[in-house]
Protein backbone atom coordinates (compact mmCIF):
# COMPACT_ATOMS: atom_id res chain seq x y z
CA MET A 1 110.36 64.26 79.50
CA ALA A 2 107.75 61.57 80.02
CA ASP A 3 110.26 58.74 79.56
CA GLN A 4 112.51 60.16 82.29
CA LEU A 5 109.54 60.64 84.65
CA LEU A 6 108.54 57.04 84.04
CA PHE A 7 112.07 55.82 84.63
CA ASP A 8 112.28 57.70 87.94
CA ALA A 9 109.02 56.04 89.07
CA ARG A 10 109.92 52.57 87.76
CA VAL A 11 110.73 50.74 90.98
CA ASP A 12 107.87 52.20 93.03
CA PHE A 13 105.38 51.52 90.22
CA VAL A 14 106.48 47.88 90.05
CA GLU A 15 106.06 47.54 93.81
CA ARG A 16 102.69 49.29 94.15
CA VAL A 17 100.57 48.78 91.02
CA LEU A 18 97.58 46.48 91.48
CA SER A 19 97.02 43.54 89.15
CA GLU A 20 93.58 44.83 88.16
CA VAL A 21 94.98 48.27 87.26
CA LEU A 22 97.81 46.72 85.26
CA LEU A 23 95.43 44.65 83.15
CA GLN A 24 93.31 47.75 82.50
CA LEU A 25 96.41 49.61 81.37
CA LEU A 26 97.26 46.83 78.93
CA ASP A 27 93.78 47.09 77.42
CA ASP A 28 94.12 50.87 77.19
CA LEU A 29 97.52 50.73 75.53
CA LEU A 30 96.26 48.13 73.06
CA LYS A 31 93.39 50.46 72.18
CA ASP A 32 95.84 53.38 71.81
CA GLU A 33 97.97 51.21 69.49
CA VAL A 34 100.95 51.58 71.78
CA LEU A 35 100.97 47.78 72.20
CA THR A 36 100.03 45.08 69.73
CA GLY A 37 97.77 42.18 70.62
CA ARG A 38 100.70 39.80 70.35
CA GLU A 39 102.81 41.93 72.71
CA LYS A 40 100.01 42.11 75.26
CA LYS A 41 99.50 38.34 75.18
CA ALA A 42 103.23 37.62 75.48
CA LEU A 43 103.62 40.05 78.36
CA ILE A 44 100.82 38.33 80.31
CA GLU A 45 101.85 34.76 79.56
CA GLU A 46 105.62 35.11 79.95
CA ASN A 47 105.53 37.01 83.25
CA LYS A 48 103.91 35.17 86.14
CA SER A 49 103.81 37.81 88.88
CA THR A 50 102.24 41.27 88.78
CA SER A 51 105.60 42.88 89.51
CA ASP A 52 107.26 41.09 86.58
CA LYS A 53 104.46 42.17 84.24
CA ALA A 54 104.76 45.75 85.46
CA ARG A 55 108.53 45.78 85.04
CA CYS A 56 108.32 44.37 81.52
CA LEU A 57 105.61 46.86 80.52
CA LEU A 58 107.59 49.88 81.74
CA ASP A 59 110.69 48.69 79.93
CA LYS A 60 108.67 48.46 76.71
CA MET A 61 107.28 51.97 77.18
CA ARG A 62 110.72 53.48 77.73
CA LYS A 63 112.04 51.82 74.59
CA ARG A 64 109.11 53.29 72.61
CA GLY A 65 110.12 56.80 73.62
CA PRO A 66 108.53 59.90 75.23
CA LYS A 67 105.30 59.78 73.22
CA ALA A 68 104.44 56.24 74.31
CA CYS A 69 105.44 57.04 77.90
CA GLY A 70 103.17 60.10 77.82
CA LYS A 71 100.21 57.97 76.79
CA PHE A 72 101.03 55.47 79.50
CA ILE A 73 101.06 58.20 82.15
CA SER A 74 97.76 59.62 80.89
CA ARG A 75 96.11 56.21 81.10
CA LEU A 76 97.53 55.60 84.57
CA GLN A 77 96.05 58.94 85.72
CA GLU A 78 92.65 57.70 84.55
CA ARG A 79 92.91 54.26 86.12
CA ASP A 80 94.70 55.05 89.41
CA PRO A 81 95.07 58.80 90.08
CA ASP A 82 96.22 58.17 93.66
CA LEU A 83 99.11 56.03 92.49
CA CYS A 84 99.96 58.60 89.81
CA GLU A 85 100.14 61.31 92.44
CA LEU A 86 102.23 59.12 94.73
CA LEU A 87 104.70 58.50 91.90
CA ASN A 88 104.86 62.23 91.01
CA LEU A 89 103.49 61.52 87.52
CA GLY A 90 100.93 64.32 87.46
CA ALA A 91 100.85 65.89 83.98
CA VAL A 92 99.10 69.13 84.92
CA SER A 93 100.23 69.98 88.41
CA PRO A 94 103.94 69.87 89.27
CA PRO A 95 105.19 66.88 91.28
CA ALA A 96 104.72 67.12 95.01
CA PRO A 97 107.96 68.07 96.77
CA PRO A 98 109.70 65.03 98.28
CA ALA A 99 110.52 64.68 101.95
CA PRO A 100 113.83 66.38 102.85
CA LEU A 101 115.81 63.17 103.31
CA GLU A 102 114.39 61.67 100.14
CA GLU A 103 115.34 64.79 98.21
CA LEU A 104 118.87 64.71 99.58
CA SER A 105 119.19 61.02 98.65
CA LEU A 106 118.93 61.70 94.90
CA PRO A 107 122.40 62.13 93.38
CA LEU A 108 122.87 65.06 91.01
CA ARG A 109 124.20 62.83 88.22
CA GLN A 110 121.47 60.18 88.46
CA GLN A 111 119.80 61.36 85.23
CA GLU A 112 123.12 61.32 83.40
CA VAL A 113 123.70 57.69 84.39
CA THR A 114 120.52 56.18 82.98
CA CYS A 115 118.70 58.86 81.00
CA SER A 116 118.74 56.98 77.70
CA PRO A 117 116.97 53.68 76.89
CA SER A 118 120.10 52.63 74.99
CA GLN A 119 122.16 52.77 78.15
CA GLN A 120 122.34 50.10 80.86
CA GLU A 121 119.26 49.23 82.87
CA ALA A 122 118.90 50.82 86.31
CA SER A 123 119.42 47.44 87.93
CA ALA A 124 123.01 47.36 86.63
CA VAL A 125 123.95 50.79 88.01
CA LEU A 126 124.64 51.37 91.69
CA ILE A 127 123.16 54.73 92.63
CA PRO A 128 125.58 56.51 94.98
CA CYS A 129 124.51 58.05 98.25
CA THR A 130 125.02 61.80 98.53
CA PRO A 131 127.02 63.39 101.36
CA GLN A 132 124.03 65.66 102.02
CA PHE A 133 121.71 62.70 102.61
CA LYS A 134 124.18 60.96 104.92
CA LYS A 135 124.78 64.14 106.93
CA ALA A 136 121.05 64.83 107.31
CA LEU A 137 120.38 61.21 108.31
CA LEU A 138 123.13 61.23 110.93
CA GLU A 139 121.81 64.48 112.38
CA LYS A 140 118.27 63.12 112.52
CA GLU A 141 118.81 59.46 113.50
CA GLY A 142 122.49 59.14 114.40
CA ALA A 143 121.87 57.23 117.63
CA GLU A 144 119.73 54.69 115.74
CA LEU A 145 122.40 53.85 113.13
CA TYR A 146 125.39 51.51 113.12
CA PRO A 147 128.54 53.68 112.80
CA MET A 148 130.30 53.56 109.43
CA LYS A 149 133.94 54.54 108.89
CA GLU A 150 134.86 57.04 106.20
CA LYS A 151 136.07 55.69 102.88
CA GLY A 152 139.88 55.55 102.91
CA GLN A 153 139.95 54.97 106.67
CA ARG A 154 138.64 51.40 106.56
CA LYS A 155 139.55 47.95 105.21
CA ARG A 156 136.36 46.13 104.30
CA MET A 157 136.58 42.38 103.65
CA ALA A 158 134.04 40.05 102.03
CA LEU A 159 134.09 36.24 101.65
CA LEU A 160 132.49 34.55 98.65
CA ILE A 161 132.31 30.73 98.28
CA ASN A 162 130.76 29.15 95.20
CA ASN A 163 130.35 25.42 94.57
CA VAL A 164 129.52 24.58 90.95
CA LYS A 165 130.86 21.08 90.20
CA PHE A 166 130.21 18.12 92.52
CA ASP A 167 131.30 14.47 92.64
CA HIS A 168 127.75 13.08 92.82
CA LEU A 169 125.40 16.04 92.31
CA SER A 170 124.46 18.00 89.21
CA GLU A 171 126.48 21.01 88.12
CA ARG A 172 124.93 24.31 89.25
CA ARG A 173 124.61 26.00 85.87
CA GLY A 174 124.34 29.76 86.10
CA ALA A 175 126.10 29.92 89.47
CA GLU A 176 129.15 31.64 87.98
CA LYS A 177 126.85 34.50 86.96
CA ASP A 178 125.87 34.86 90.61
CA VAL A 179 129.54 35.11 91.56
CA GLU A 180 130.10 37.72 88.86
CA ASN A 181 127.14 39.77 90.06
CA MET A 182 128.03 39.54 93.74
CA GLU A 183 131.73 40.27 93.22
CA LYS A 184 130.83 43.38 91.20
CA GLN A 185 128.29 44.45 93.82
CA LEU A 186 130.65 43.98 96.77
CA LYS A 187 133.57 45.74 95.09
CA GLU A 188 131.32 48.70 94.28
CA LEU A 189 130.42 48.80 97.98
CA ASP A 190 134.15 49.07 98.78
CA TYR A 191 134.76 45.48 99.93
CA THR A 192 137.87 43.48 99.08
CA VAL A 193 136.47 40.10 97.99
CA GLU A 194 138.12 36.79 98.90
CA THR A 195 136.67 34.20 96.50
CA HIS A 196 136.82 30.38 96.80
CA ARG A 197 135.42 27.80 94.38
CA ASP A 198 134.38 24.14 94.70
CA LEU A 199 135.12 23.42 98.37
CA SER A 200 134.35 20.40 100.53
CA ALA A 201 132.32 20.90 103.70
CA GLN A 202 135.51 20.87 105.78
CA ASP A 203 137.13 23.41 103.46
CA ILE A 204 134.06 25.68 103.72
CA ASN A 205 134.32 25.53 107.50
CA GLU A 206 138.03 26.34 107.40
CA ALA A 207 137.47 29.20 104.95
CA VAL A 208 134.78 30.82 107.13
CA LYS A 209 136.78 30.24 110.30
CA GLY A 210 139.93 31.68 108.73
CA PHE A 211 138.02 34.65 107.37
CA SER A 212 136.66 35.42 110.84
CA GLN A 213 140.25 35.82 112.10
CA HIS A 214 141.40 38.36 109.49
CA GLN A 215 143.25 41.23 111.15
CA ALA A 216 141.77 43.59 108.56
CA HIS A 217 138.41 43.32 110.32
CA LEU A 218 139.82 45.48 113.11
CA GLU A 219 139.98 48.35 110.60
CA SER A 220 136.63 47.52 109.01
CA ASP A 221 133.11 48.66 109.83
CA SER A 222 131.14 45.72 108.33
CA THR A 223 131.46 42.55 106.26
CA PHE A 224 129.71 40.27 103.77
CA VAL A 225 129.90 36.46 103.64
CA VAL A 226 128.32 34.81 100.58
CA ILE A 227 128.08 31.01 100.20
CA MET A 228 126.40 29.38 97.18
CA SER A 229 126.00 25.64 96.72
CA HIS A 230 123.53 22.75 96.77
CA GLY A 231 122.13 22.29 100.25
CA LYS A 232 119.78 20.84 102.81
CA ARG A 233 117.39 22.67 105.11
CA ASP A 234 120.05 23.72 107.63
CA ALA A 235 123.29 22.84 105.84
CA ILE A 236 125.45 23.54 102.81
CA CYS A 237 126.67 20.66 100.61
CA GLY A 238 130.39 20.27 100.02
CA ILE A 239 131.50 19.07 96.60
CA HIS A 240 131.88 15.47 97.86
CA TYR A 241 128.30 15.14 99.11
CA ASN A 242 126.70 11.77 98.34
CA ASP A 243 123.09 11.30 99.45
CA GLU A 244 123.29 7.52 98.93
CA ASP A 245 126.31 6.98 101.17
CA PRO A 246 125.72 7.82 104.88
CA GLN A 247 129.48 8.05 105.36
CA LYS A 248 129.81 10.81 102.74
CA LYS A 249 127.23 13.39 103.77
CA ASN A 250 129.87 16.16 103.56
CA LEU A 251 127.65 18.88 105.01
CA PHE A 252 128.59 22.26 106.44
CA LEU A 253 126.07 23.40 109.05
CA ILE A 254 124.76 26.93 108.50
CA ASP A 255 124.82 27.45 112.25
CA ASN A 256 128.63 27.31 112.12
CA ILE A 257 128.66 30.63 110.29
CA PHE A 258 127.06 32.27 113.31
CA LYS A 259 129.49 30.52 115.65
CA HIS A 260 132.56 31.65 113.71
CA LEU A 261 131.32 35.25 113.43
CA ASN A 262 129.82 35.67 116.90
CA THR A 263 131.05 38.15 119.51
CA LYS A 264 133.26 35.55 121.22
CA ASN A 265 135.05 34.09 118.20
CA CYS A 266 135.30 37.11 115.90
CA ALA A 267 136.56 40.04 117.94
CA GLY A 268 137.46 42.06 114.84
CA LEU A 269 133.80 42.27 113.78
CA ARG A 270 132.29 42.74 117.23
CA ASN A 271 129.66 45.49 117.19
CA LYS A 272 129.94 45.74 113.40
CA PRO A 273 127.31 44.80 110.77
CA LYS A 274 127.77 41.38 109.18
CA VAL A 275 125.71 40.50 106.10
CA ILE A 276 125.68 36.78 105.34
CA VAL A 277 124.19 35.53 102.07
CA ILE A 278 123.64 31.82 101.57
CA GLN A 279 122.22 30.38 98.38
CA ALA A 280 121.44 26.68 98.70
CA CYS A 281 118.59 24.22 98.78
CA ARG A 282 116.54 24.35 101.96
CA GLY A 283 114.14 21.45 101.47
CA GLY A 284 114.46 17.89 102.65
CA MET A 285 115.41 16.83 99.12
CA LEU A 286 118.28 18.34 97.14
CA CYS A 287 117.27 20.81 94.47
CA ALA A 288 116.90 19.81 90.87
CA GLU A 289 119.63 20.76 88.40
CA SER A 290 117.97 24.04 87.44
CA VAL A 291 116.77 24.93 90.93
CA CYS A 292 118.36 26.14 94.13
CA LYS A 293 117.24 27.86 97.28
CA CYS A 294 118.67 31.22 98.32
CA VAL A 295 119.03 32.22 101.97
CA PHE A 296 120.11 35.65 103.20
CA TRP A 297 121.46 35.99 106.73
CA VAL A 298 122.25 39.49 107.93
CA SER A 299 124.05 40.38 111.14
CA ASP A 300 124.34 43.95 112.37
CA SER A 301 126.26 44.40 115.61
CA ALA A 302 124.89 47.04 117.94
CA SER A 303 126.90 48.68 120.71
CA ALA A 304 128.26 46.31 123.32
CA PRO A 305 125.57 45.03 125.72
CA LYS A 306 125.61 45.82 129.41
CA SER A 307 127.25 42.85 131.14
CA LEU A 308 125.18 40.90 133.62
CA GLU A 309 126.47 38.96 136.62
CA ASP A 310 125.33 35.33 136.68
CA ASP A 311 126.64 32.89 139.30
CA GLY A 312 129.85 34.86 139.66
CA MET A 313 130.60 34.82 135.87
CA TRP A 314 130.52 37.78 133.46
CA ARG A 315 128.84 36.87 130.23
CA GLU A 316 128.34 38.54 126.86
CA LEU A 317 125.59 37.57 124.43
CA LYS A 318 127.40 35.56 121.73
CA GLU A 319 124.86 35.83 118.92
CA ARG A 320 123.32 39.25 118.51
CA ASP A 321 122.16 41.67 115.83
CA PHE A 322 121.54 38.99 113.21
CA ALA A 323 118.80 39.20 110.60
CA CYS A 324 117.91 36.39 108.24
CA LEU A 325 116.19 36.80 104.89
CA MET A 326 115.49 33.38 103.41
CA ALA A 327 114.54 32.94 99.79
CA CYS A 328 111.54 30.80 100.58
CA THR A 329 109.57 29.15 103.30
CA PRO A 330 110.85 25.79 104.61
CA ASP A 331 110.59 22.79 102.27
CA THR A 332 109.92 24.88 99.18
CA MET A 333 112.15 25.87 96.29
CA SER A 334 113.59 29.00 94.73
CA TYR A 335 114.70 29.11 91.14
CA ARG A 336 117.96 29.64 89.28
CA ASP A 337 118.23 30.58 85.61
CA PRO A 338 120.99 28.47 83.97
CA GLU A 339 122.26 31.59 82.19
CA LYS A 340 121.37 34.56 84.41
CA GLY A 341 121.78 32.92 87.81
CA ALA A 342 119.50 32.73 90.85
CA ILE A 343 116.36 34.87 90.66
CA LEU A 344 116.74 36.07 94.23
CA ILE A 345 120.37 37.08 93.69
CA GLN A 346 119.26 39.07 90.64
CA LYS A 347 116.56 40.84 92.63
CA LEU A 348 118.86 41.48 95.58
CA VAL A 349 121.49 43.11 93.35
CA GLU A 350 118.84 45.18 91.57
CA THR A 351 117.36 46.31 94.88
CA ILE A 352 120.72 47.30 96.36
CA ASN A 353 121.69 49.14 93.19
CA THR A 354 118.42 51.06 93.09
CA HIS A 355 117.64 51.71 96.77
CA ALA A 356 120.76 51.35 98.93
CA HIS A 357 121.54 55.05 98.55
CA LYS A 358 118.54 55.84 100.76
CA ASP A 359 117.34 52.65 102.51
CA HIS A 360 118.74 50.54 105.37
CA ILE A 361 119.26 46.79 105.07
CA GLU A 362 115.92 45.67 106.53
CA GLU A 363 114.05 47.97 104.16
CA LEU A 364 116.10 46.61 101.27
CA PHE A 365 115.10 43.08 102.29
CA ARG A 366 111.45 44.14 102.47
CA LYS A 367 111.69 45.47 98.93
CA VAL A 368 113.22 42.16 97.79
CA ARG A 369 110.35 40.23 99.37
CA ASN A 370 107.80 42.57 97.84
CA GLN A 371 109.00 41.66 94.34
CA PHE A 372 107.77 38.10 94.95
CA ASP A 373 104.27 39.23 95.91
CA GLY A 374 101.79 37.07 94.05
CA SER A 375 104.39 34.47 93.09
CA LYS A 376 103.22 30.85 93.29
CA LEU A 377 106.78 29.52 93.14
CA GLN A 378 108.59 31.08 96.10
CA MET A 379 108.34 33.75 98.78
CA PRO A 380 111.30 35.03 100.80
CA VAL A 381 110.82 35.20 104.56
CA THR A 382 112.72 36.91 107.37
CA GLU A 383 113.56 35.11 110.59
CA ARG A 384 116.16 34.93 113.36
CA THR A 385 116.18 38.71 113.39
CA SER A 386 117.51 40.70 116.34
CA LEU A 387 118.68 43.99 114.87
CA GLY A 388 118.88 46.85 117.33
CA LYS A 389 119.90 49.60 114.92
CA LYS A 390 119.67 50.45 111.23
CA PHE A 391 122.49 49.50 108.89
CA TYR A 392 122.95 51.78 105.86
CA LEU A 393 125.45 50.80 103.15
CA PHE A 394 125.99 54.44 102.02
CA PRO A 395 127.27 53.39 98.56
CA GLY A 396 130.01 55.63 97.23
CA LEU A 397 130.84 57.12 100.64
């Protein structure tokens, strides 16, 4: 069915379609009476980036049913046949066979999960990894991957801290939605989530430090730490922060996360992937009430480094295998919807749900960044990256 073909190609179409081609498609669909003039105008004006326009258009087509999706595919073949072929949307010739690993990554029940427009959107459904894909990947690239323990033989822990109400700063409306989304995501990835709300800077430090000493980490293979609050460029604001009183800065330095989770201070997570997500302002000024910056820090421990002798002392690199995906460049803003939560958190969850069954963490981050292509408001960047291997989440396994 055309609507199912279009659904299967949804994410890749959103990532790859050119702005010029998309505008041509809108004209074509208006001419075919699949879209009205009012719908076309609203789609262009209400969606700033090309990817947002593309996503909105595909969602409209799927709701219109197979006939409308068939016309869309026909028009796309006329406007961009190469893209159509890449997305396996050829109407005459059968789709090109996927690469072996890609084929193995598609779960058998994927169509059952989201085959109907009346069901949940793909972004709300975590696609599970198949045992066949994992086995093939380990056989092909096993030495290049961080080892993951089997489900049932591990105790995964995740820390989530969310500051919403402050003594002197505005309430972070929509932040509870971010907690809801991240808790659901982490639990689906088999993490036990330890959640804290409305902490001072000192309490944040104690929570991270205490989390780093959990004995359960010894039986884990990875971890997540998520902190969401107002913030400065290199720090997180505690709930008592007061910008007007120098004695009440109440800031938790982001660098302390790396210190608490490094190879020296967190033995339980040594040589294990650590994904750290921080959502907070990064500019010199605090974010406005409806705005916050989102920063993603990811640490993946590789195998223990070869020790080196230096002045008679044996040393081990304390900070290693970290990757950082920041929501925006320094001194710029990222945006939070007061009802739906931070835009970057939404896109991160959608990307993990849709691609984690076949992509490693750096590729997932690339896909998140790609969704901001053409945006004039914010652009995520990666920095402080020193990954030596690939970290796959293998959802469901």
